[in-house]
Amino acid sequence: MQPSELNPLITPQFEAVNDYIINHLGSNVPLVEKIGHYIVESGGKRLRPLLVLLAANATRYEGDKHIPMAAVIEFIHTATLLHDDVVDNSELRRGKDTANARWGNAPSVLVGDFLYSRAFQIMVEIGSMEIMEVISNATNVIAEGEVLQLLNCRNPDTSEDAYMQVILGKTAMLFEAAAEVGGLLANCSDTERQALKHYGLQLGIAFQLIDDVMDYLSDSDTMGKNVGDDLAEGKATLPLIQAMQLCSDEERTLLRRAIREGGLDDLDPILEIIDRTGAIKYTQNKAQQAAAAAIEALSALPDSSFKSTLEQLANLAVNRAA
């Protein structure tokens, strides 16, 4: 089941967001429109815009600006994907060629810039300086997270704290912003706003932790990218960081070399080390803790089917690799 199908009350709004996104990809430059449509229509779950809709409904919003606001979040997310794939030299995303693999790096970066600017055009139409502040701050933190990840790349001494700092900025920040702006549209109380922020942040952490687990468990049909892509790029994610804490000195030397050099020459023995040291279970437990914290934060919201769906989303995020 797709996340958007968890609550039938949200389905028409979700479909309206998809229509809005497609209708606002127009450009006088055909290549911009072509790449924009390609990446936006490539099969993502639209989890972040769904958060906007659910948060707005859970705090009793009765207007229609949550539709363009959800599109803003998806445009920003899509822009980061385009830029990420260029930085990482990725060739596969969501089971399809990346935009940079098909059209090259320069067009991908520039279309990412176009999507960022289109997002801010839409926010001007929404007309909330408070929301503009949240999103502009979020995009700044996301950019810093991307740079920090780049600095940590091929660094075998990356600590768990340094890794968590990356995912807080790179992934969790946009989840937090999506939930927060949904509440802001509804003029929610400060208590509800803080609850939604914490929910989004913890959900984003859980989501990214499981993504990093699945990089070592899934195939390209399931994950939409190649197994071991993070390792191939020299990224020390939590399963690898934890494995290095518990393996033998000889195995640690192998893991450190793999991170420094990148590539997948030693993928099979590395997968065996990660499995034997319990690093996957360790990372899954961390994700479960974050999901539980997200659900706990929702206690500040009034009971509704939308609140229940937010709880389901947190569970769904961590059960993908169960």
Protein backbone atom coordinates (compact mmCIF):
# COMPACT_ATOMS: atom_id res chain seq x y z
CA MET A 1 0.00 0.00 0.00
CA GLN A 2 1.20 3.49 -0.87
CA PRO A 3 1.35 5.94 2.09
CA SER A 4 -1.26 8.14 0.40
CA GLU A 5 -3.74 5.22 0.52
CA LEU A 6 -3.66 4.93 4.32
CA ASN A 7 -6.53 7.39 4.72
CA PRO A 8 -9.28 7.68 2.08
CA LEU A 9 -10.06 11.21 3.27
CA ILE A 10 -6.65 12.40 2.11
CA THR A 11 -6.71 10.73 -1.32
CA PRO A 12 -8.55 13.53 -3.22
CA GLN A 13 -6.19 16.13 -1.73
CA PHE A 14 -3.17 14.01 -2.62
CA GLU A 15 -4.39 13.69 -6.20
CA ALA A 16 -4.89 17.46 -6.30
CA VAL A 17 -1.26 17.92 -5.25
CA ASN A 18 -0.08 15.64 -8.05
CA ASP A 19 -2.14 17.62 -10.56
CA TYR A 20 -0.80 20.89 -9.17
CA ILE A 21 2.79 19.69 -9.47
CA ILE A 22 2.36 18.62 -13.09
CA ASN A 23 0.60 21.88 -13.97
CA HIS A 24 3.40 23.99 -12.49
CA LEU A 25 6.33 22.41 -14.30
CA GLY A 26 5.83 24.63 -17.32
CA SER A 27 8.82 26.45 -18.79
CA ASN A 28 9.70 28.33 -21.96
CA VAL A 29 12.76 26.08 -22.20
CA PRO A 30 11.68 22.60 -23.37
CA LEU A 31 14.58 20.76 -21.71
CA VAL A 32 13.68 22.24 -18.32
CA GLU A 33 10.14 20.93 -18.66
CA LYS A 34 11.31 17.56 -19.98
CA ILE A 35 13.72 16.87 -17.13
CA GLY A 36 11.30 18.28 -14.56
CA HIS A 37 8.55 15.93 -15.66
CA TYR A 38 10.96 12.99 -15.85
CA ILE A 39 12.15 13.28 -12.26
CA VAL A 40 8.83 14.35 -10.71
CA GLU A 41 6.91 11.52 -12.41
CA SER A 42 9.49 8.81 -11.68
CA GLY A 43 7.49 6.97 -9.05
CA GLY A 44 8.28 8.54 -5.69
CA LYS A 45 5.85 8.04 -2.81
CA ARG A 46 5.38 11.81 -2.25
CA LEU A 47 5.83 11.20 1.49
CA ARG A 48 6.92 14.77 2.29
CA PRO A 49 3.97 16.53 0.58
CA LEU A 50 1.69 13.96 2.20
CA LEU A 51 3.02 15.17 5.56
CA VAL A 52 1.88 18.71 4.73
CA LEU A 53 -1.64 17.49 3.97
CA LEU A 54 -1.90 15.31 7.06
CA ALA A 55 -0.47 17.94 9.41
CA ALA A 56 -2.85 20.59 8.07
CA ASN A 57 -5.86 18.31 8.41
CA ALA A 58 -4.78 17.07 11.84
CA THR A 59 -4.79 20.69 13.06
CA ARG A 60 -8.23 21.42 11.55
CA TYR A 61 -7.23 23.41 8.45
CA GLU A 62 -10.22 24.28 6.26
CA GLY A 63 -8.60 26.18 3.38
CA ASP A 64 -6.92 25.03 0.18
CA LYS A 65 -3.39 26.44 0.42
CA HIS A 66 -2.07 23.13 1.71
CA ILE A 67 -2.24 21.88 -1.89
CA PRO A 68 0.32 24.34 -3.32
CA MET A 69 2.31 24.11 -0.07
CA ALA A 70 2.64 20.36 -0.49
CA ALA A 71 3.83 20.97 -4.07
CA VAL A 72 6.46 23.38 -2.76
CA ILE A 73 7.86 20.65 -0.50
CA GLU A 74 7.96 18.17 -3.37
CA PHE A 75 9.70 20.64 -5.69
CA ILE A 76 12.36 21.30 -3.06
CA HIS A 77 12.82 17.58 -2.45
CA THR A 78 13.10 16.90 -6.17
CA ALA A 79 15.67 19.67 -6.57
CA THR A 80 17.80 18.09 -3.86
CA LEU A 81 17.56 14.71 -5.62
CA LEU A 82 18.79 16.20 -8.88
CA HIS A 83 21.74 17.84 -7.13
CA ASP A 84 22.48 14.75 -4.99
CA ASP A 85 22.71 12.48 -8.01
CA VAL A 86 25.20 14.79 -9.67
CA VAL A 87 27.36 15.03 -6.54
CA ASP A 88 27.24 11.25 -6.02
CA ASN A 89 27.61 10.36 -9.72
CA SER A 90 24.53 8.15 -9.28
CA GLU A 91 23.15 6.30 -12.27
CA LEU A 92 19.97 4.79 -10.83
CA ARG A 93 17.15 6.21 -8.74
CA ARG A 94 13.72 4.69 -8.14
CA GLY A 95 14.67 1.94 -10.57
CA LYS A 96 15.25 4.36 -13.48
CA ASP A 97 18.21 6.18 -14.96
CA THR A 98 19.00 9.35 -13.06
CA ALA A 99 18.53 12.62 -14.89
CA ASN A 100 22.28 13.21 -14.94
CA ALA A 101 22.87 9.75 -16.42
CA ARG A 102 20.42 10.56 -19.21
CA TRP A 103 21.05 14.27 -19.88
CA GLY A 104 24.31 15.08 -18.14
CA ASN A 105 25.35 16.90 -14.99
CA ALA A 106 24.95 20.51 -16.10
CA PRO A 107 21.28 20.27 -17.18
CA SER A 108 20.45 18.34 -14.00
CA VAL A 109 21.94 20.98 -11.73
CA LEU A 110 20.25 23.81 -13.58
CA VAL A 111 16.84 22.15 -13.59
CA GLY A 112 17.29 21.58 -9.86
CA ASP A 113 17.82 25.32 -9.54
CA PHE A 114 14.67 25.91 -11.58
CA LEU A 115 12.62 23.73 -9.22
CA TYR A 116 13.97 25.59 -6.19
CA SER A 117 13.01 28.93 -7.72
CA ARG A 118 9.57 27.64 -8.77
CA ALA A 119 8.98 26.53 -5.18
CA PHE A 120 9.68 30.03 -3.91
CA GLN A 121 7.45 31.56 -6.59
CA ILE A 122 4.58 29.43 -5.29
CA MET A 123 5.34 30.41 -1.69
CA VAL A 124 5.03 34.08 -2.63
CA GLU A 125 1.53 33.29 -3.91
CA ILE A 126 0.69 31.51 -0.64
CA GLY A 127 1.62 34.75 1.08
CA SER A 128 2.90 33.73 4.51
CA MET A 129 6.19 35.22 5.68
CA GLU A 130 6.20 32.77 8.59
CA ILE A 131 6.08 29.83 6.21
CA MET A 132 8.66 31.47 3.96
CA GLU A 133 10.96 31.75 6.97
CA VAL A 134 10.55 28.06 7.85
CA ILE A 135 11.24 26.89 4.31
CA SER A 136 14.16 29.25 3.65
CA ASN A 137 15.78 28.14 6.90
CA ALA A 138 15.15 24.50 6.02
CA THR A 139 16.72 24.78 2.57
CA ASN A 140 19.77 26.42 4.11
CA VAL A 141 20.18 23.61 6.64
CA ILE A 142 19.67 21.00 3.91
CA ALA A 143 22.44 22.58 1.85
CA GLU A 144 24.75 22.52 4.87
CA GLY A 145 23.89 18.85 5.43
CA GLU A 146 24.82 18.05 1.86
CA VAL A 147 28.17 19.80 2.22
CA LEU A 148 28.82 18.01 5.50
CA GLN A 149 28.08 14.67 3.86
CA LEU A 150 30.52 15.54 1.10
CA LEU A 151 33.20 16.32 3.68
CA ASN A 152 32.56 12.98 5.41
CA CYS A 153 32.72 11.04 2.15
CA ARG A 154 35.58 8.51 2.05
CA ASN A 155 36.35 9.26 5.68
CA PRO A 156 36.58 5.98 7.66
CA ASP A 157 36.80 7.95 10.90
CA THR A 158 33.25 9.30 10.56
CA SER A 159 31.59 8.93 13.96
CA GLU A 160 27.98 8.08 14.72
CA ASP A 161 27.48 11.66 15.94
CA ALA A 162 28.86 13.07 12.68
CA TYR A 163 26.63 10.71 10.70
CA MET A 164 23.56 11.77 12.69
CA GLN A 165 24.39 15.42 12.08
CA VAL A 166 24.36 14.75 8.34
CA ILE A 167 20.97 13.02 8.30
CA LEU A 168 19.44 15.65 10.57
CA GLY A 169 20.29 18.28 7.97
CA LYS A 170 20.13 16.32 4.74
CA THR A 171 16.90 14.39 5.33
CA ALA A 172 15.11 15.09 8.59
CA MET A 173 14.99 18.87 8.13
CA LEU A 174 12.60 18.74 5.18
CA PHE A 175 10.35 16.27 7.01
CA GLU A 176 10.28 18.67 9.95
CA ALA A 177 9.49 21.66 7.73
CA ALA A 178 6.73 19.77 5.89
CA ALA A 179 4.94 18.89 9.11
CA GLU A 180 5.44 22.34 10.61
CA VAL A 181 4.08 24.33 7.66
CA GLY A 182 0.98 22.15 7.55
CA GLY A 183 0.22 23.26 11.08
CA LEU A 184 1.11 26.88 10.36
CA LEU A 185 -1.46 27.00 7.57
CA ALA A 186 -4.06 25.99 10.15
CA ASN A 187 -2.89 28.62 12.64
CA CYS A 188 -2.29 25.83 15.12
CA SER A 189 -1.23 26.46 18.70
CA ASP A 190 2.45 26.74 19.57
CA THR A 191 2.21 23.41 21.40
CA GLU A 192 0.83 21.73 18.27
CA ARG A 193 3.44 23.41 16.11
CA GLN A 194 6.29 22.13 18.27
CA ALA A 195 4.72 18.67 18.32
CA LEU A 196 4.53 18.59 14.53
CA LYS A 197 8.12 19.79 14.22
CA HIS A 198 9.36 17.06 16.54
CA TYR A 199 7.23 14.47 14.80
CA GLY A 200 8.62 15.42 11.39
CA LEU A 201 12.21 15.49 12.60
CA GLN A 202 12.00 12.06 14.24
CA LEU A 203 10.14 10.59 11.27
CA GLY A 204 12.87 11.87 8.96
CA ILE A 205 15.56 10.30 11.13
CA ALA A 206 13.74 6.96 11.17
CA PHE A 207 13.18 7.10 7.42
CA GLN A 208 16.85 7.77 6.62
CA LEU A 209 18.15 5.12 9.03
CA ILE A 210 16.02 2.49 7.32
CA ASP A 211 17.10 3.76 3.91
CA ASP A 212 20.69 3.15 4.99
CA VAL A 213 19.79 -0.33 6.22
CA MET A 214 18.09 -1.15 2.94
CA ASP A 215 21.21 -0.15 1.03
CA TYR A 216 22.75 -3.35 2.40
CA LEU A 217 19.65 -5.55 2.26
CA SER A 218 17.65 -4.80 -0.88
CA ASP A 219 18.03 -5.21 -4.60
CA SER A 220 17.52 -2.53 -7.23
CA ASP A 221 13.93 -3.65 -7.87
CA THR A 222 13.01 -3.12 -4.21
CA MET A 223 15.09 -0.09 -3.36
CA GLY A 224 15.19 1.62 -6.74
CA LYS A 225 18.97 1.87 -6.62
CA ASN A 226 21.87 -0.53 -6.65
CA VAL A 227 22.82 -2.52 -3.55
CA GLY A 228 25.85 -1.03 -1.86
CA ASP A 229 25.57 2.36 -3.57
CA ASP A 230 26.52 4.13 -0.34
CA LEU A 231 29.59 1.96 0.05
CA ALA A 232 30.52 2.46 -3.60
CA GLU A 233 30.47 6.22 -2.99
CA GLY A 234 32.58 5.92 0.16
CA LYS A 235 29.73 6.88 2.52
CA ALA A 236 30.12 5.59 6.06
CA THR A 237 26.49 5.16 7.08
CA LEU A 238 25.45 3.80 10.46
CA PRO A 239 25.51 0.06 9.59
CA LEU A 240 29.13 0.41 8.51
CA ILE A 241 30.09 2.69 11.41
CA GLN A 242 28.62 0.23 13.93
CA ALA A 243 30.21 -2.78 12.24
CA MET A 244 33.63 -1.16 12.58
CA GLN A 245 33.09 -0.87 16.32
CA LEU A 246 32.56 -4.62 16.76
CA CYS A 247 34.59 -6.42 14.10
CA SER A 248 38.14 -7.74 14.28
CA ASP A 249 41.17 -5.57 13.52
CA GLU A 250 41.64 -7.34 10.20
CA GLU A 251 38.02 -6.80 9.24
CA ARG A 252 38.21 -3.17 10.35
CA THR A 253 41.15 -2.65 8.02
CA LEU A 254 39.04 -4.04 5.17
CA LEU A 255 36.11 -1.74 5.99
CA ARG A 256 38.31 1.32 6.32
CA ARG A 257 39.94 0.64 2.97
CA ALA A 258 36.55 0.15 1.32
CA ILE A 259 35.36 3.52 2.63
CA ARG A 260 38.53 5.33 1.56
CA GLU A 261 38.61 3.82 -1.92
CA GLY A 262 34.90 3.36 -2.65
CA GLY A 263 33.78 0.66 -5.04
CA LEU A 264 32.24 -2.74 -4.44
CA ASP A 265 35.19 -5.12 -4.86
CA ASP A 266 34.76 -6.42 -1.30
CA LEU A 267 30.98 -6.14 -1.05
CA ASP A 268 30.31 -9.80 -0.13
CA PRO A 269 32.72 -9.98 2.84
CA ILE A 270 31.56 -6.53 3.98
CA LEU A 271 27.92 -7.65 3.93
CA GLU A 272 28.94 -10.67 6.00
CA ILE A 273 30.72 -8.48 8.57
CA ILE A 274 27.75 -6.11 8.82
CA ASP A 275 25.39 -9.05 9.33
CA ARG A 276 27.56 -10.89 11.88
CA THR A 277 28.20 -7.81 14.04
CA GLY A 278 24.47 -7.05 14.35
CA ALA A 279 24.96 -3.62 12.77
CA ILE A 280 21.72 -3.91 10.81
CA LYS A 281 19.70 -4.68 13.96
CA TYR A 282 21.46 -1.84 15.78
CA THR A 283 20.46 0.64 13.08
CA GLN A 284 16.91 -0.72 12.94
CA ASN A 285 16.60 -0.27 16.71
CA LYS A 286 17.71 3.36 16.38
CA ALA A 287 15.05 3.85 13.72
CA GLN A 288 12.41 2.25 15.95
CA GLN A 289 13.35 4.63 18.77
CA ALA A 290 12.98 7.62 16.45
CA ALA A 291 9.60 6.37 15.18
CA ALA A 292 8.41 5.90 18.76
CA ALA A 293 9.49 9.46 19.59
CA ALA A 294 7.59 10.72 16.54
CA ILE A 295 4.42 8.94 17.62
CA GLU A 296 4.80 10.20 21.19
CA ALA A 297 4.99 13.79 19.90
CA LEU A 298 1.54 13.39 18.34
CA SER A 299 -0.06 13.14 21.80
CA ALA A 300 -0.31 16.94 21.70
CA LEU A 301 -2.72 16.79 18.74
CA PRO A 302 -6.46 16.17 18.96
CA ASP A 303 -7.60 12.66 18.05
CA SER A 304 -8.59 12.28 14.41
CA SER A 305 -8.15 9.90 11.50
CA PHE A 306 -5.36 12.18 10.26
CA LYS A 307 -3.46 11.87 13.53
CA SER A 308 -3.87 8.09 13.27
CA THR A 309 -2.48 8.18 9.75
CA LEU A 310 0.57 10.12 10.95
CA GLU A 311 1.12 7.35 13.50
CA GLN A 312 0.79 4.75 10.74
CA LEU A 313 3.35 6.60 8.65
CA ALA A 314 5.91 6.39 11.44
CA ASN A 315 5.38 2.64 11.70
CA LEU A 316 5.46 2.23 7.94
CA ALA A 317 8.77 4.10 7.71
CA VAL A 318 10.55 1.57 9.92
CA ASN A 319 8.82 -1.60 8.75
CA ARG A 320 10.08 -1.34 5.17
CA ALA A 321 13.14 -3.44 6.07
CA ALA A 322 11.56 -5.68 8.69
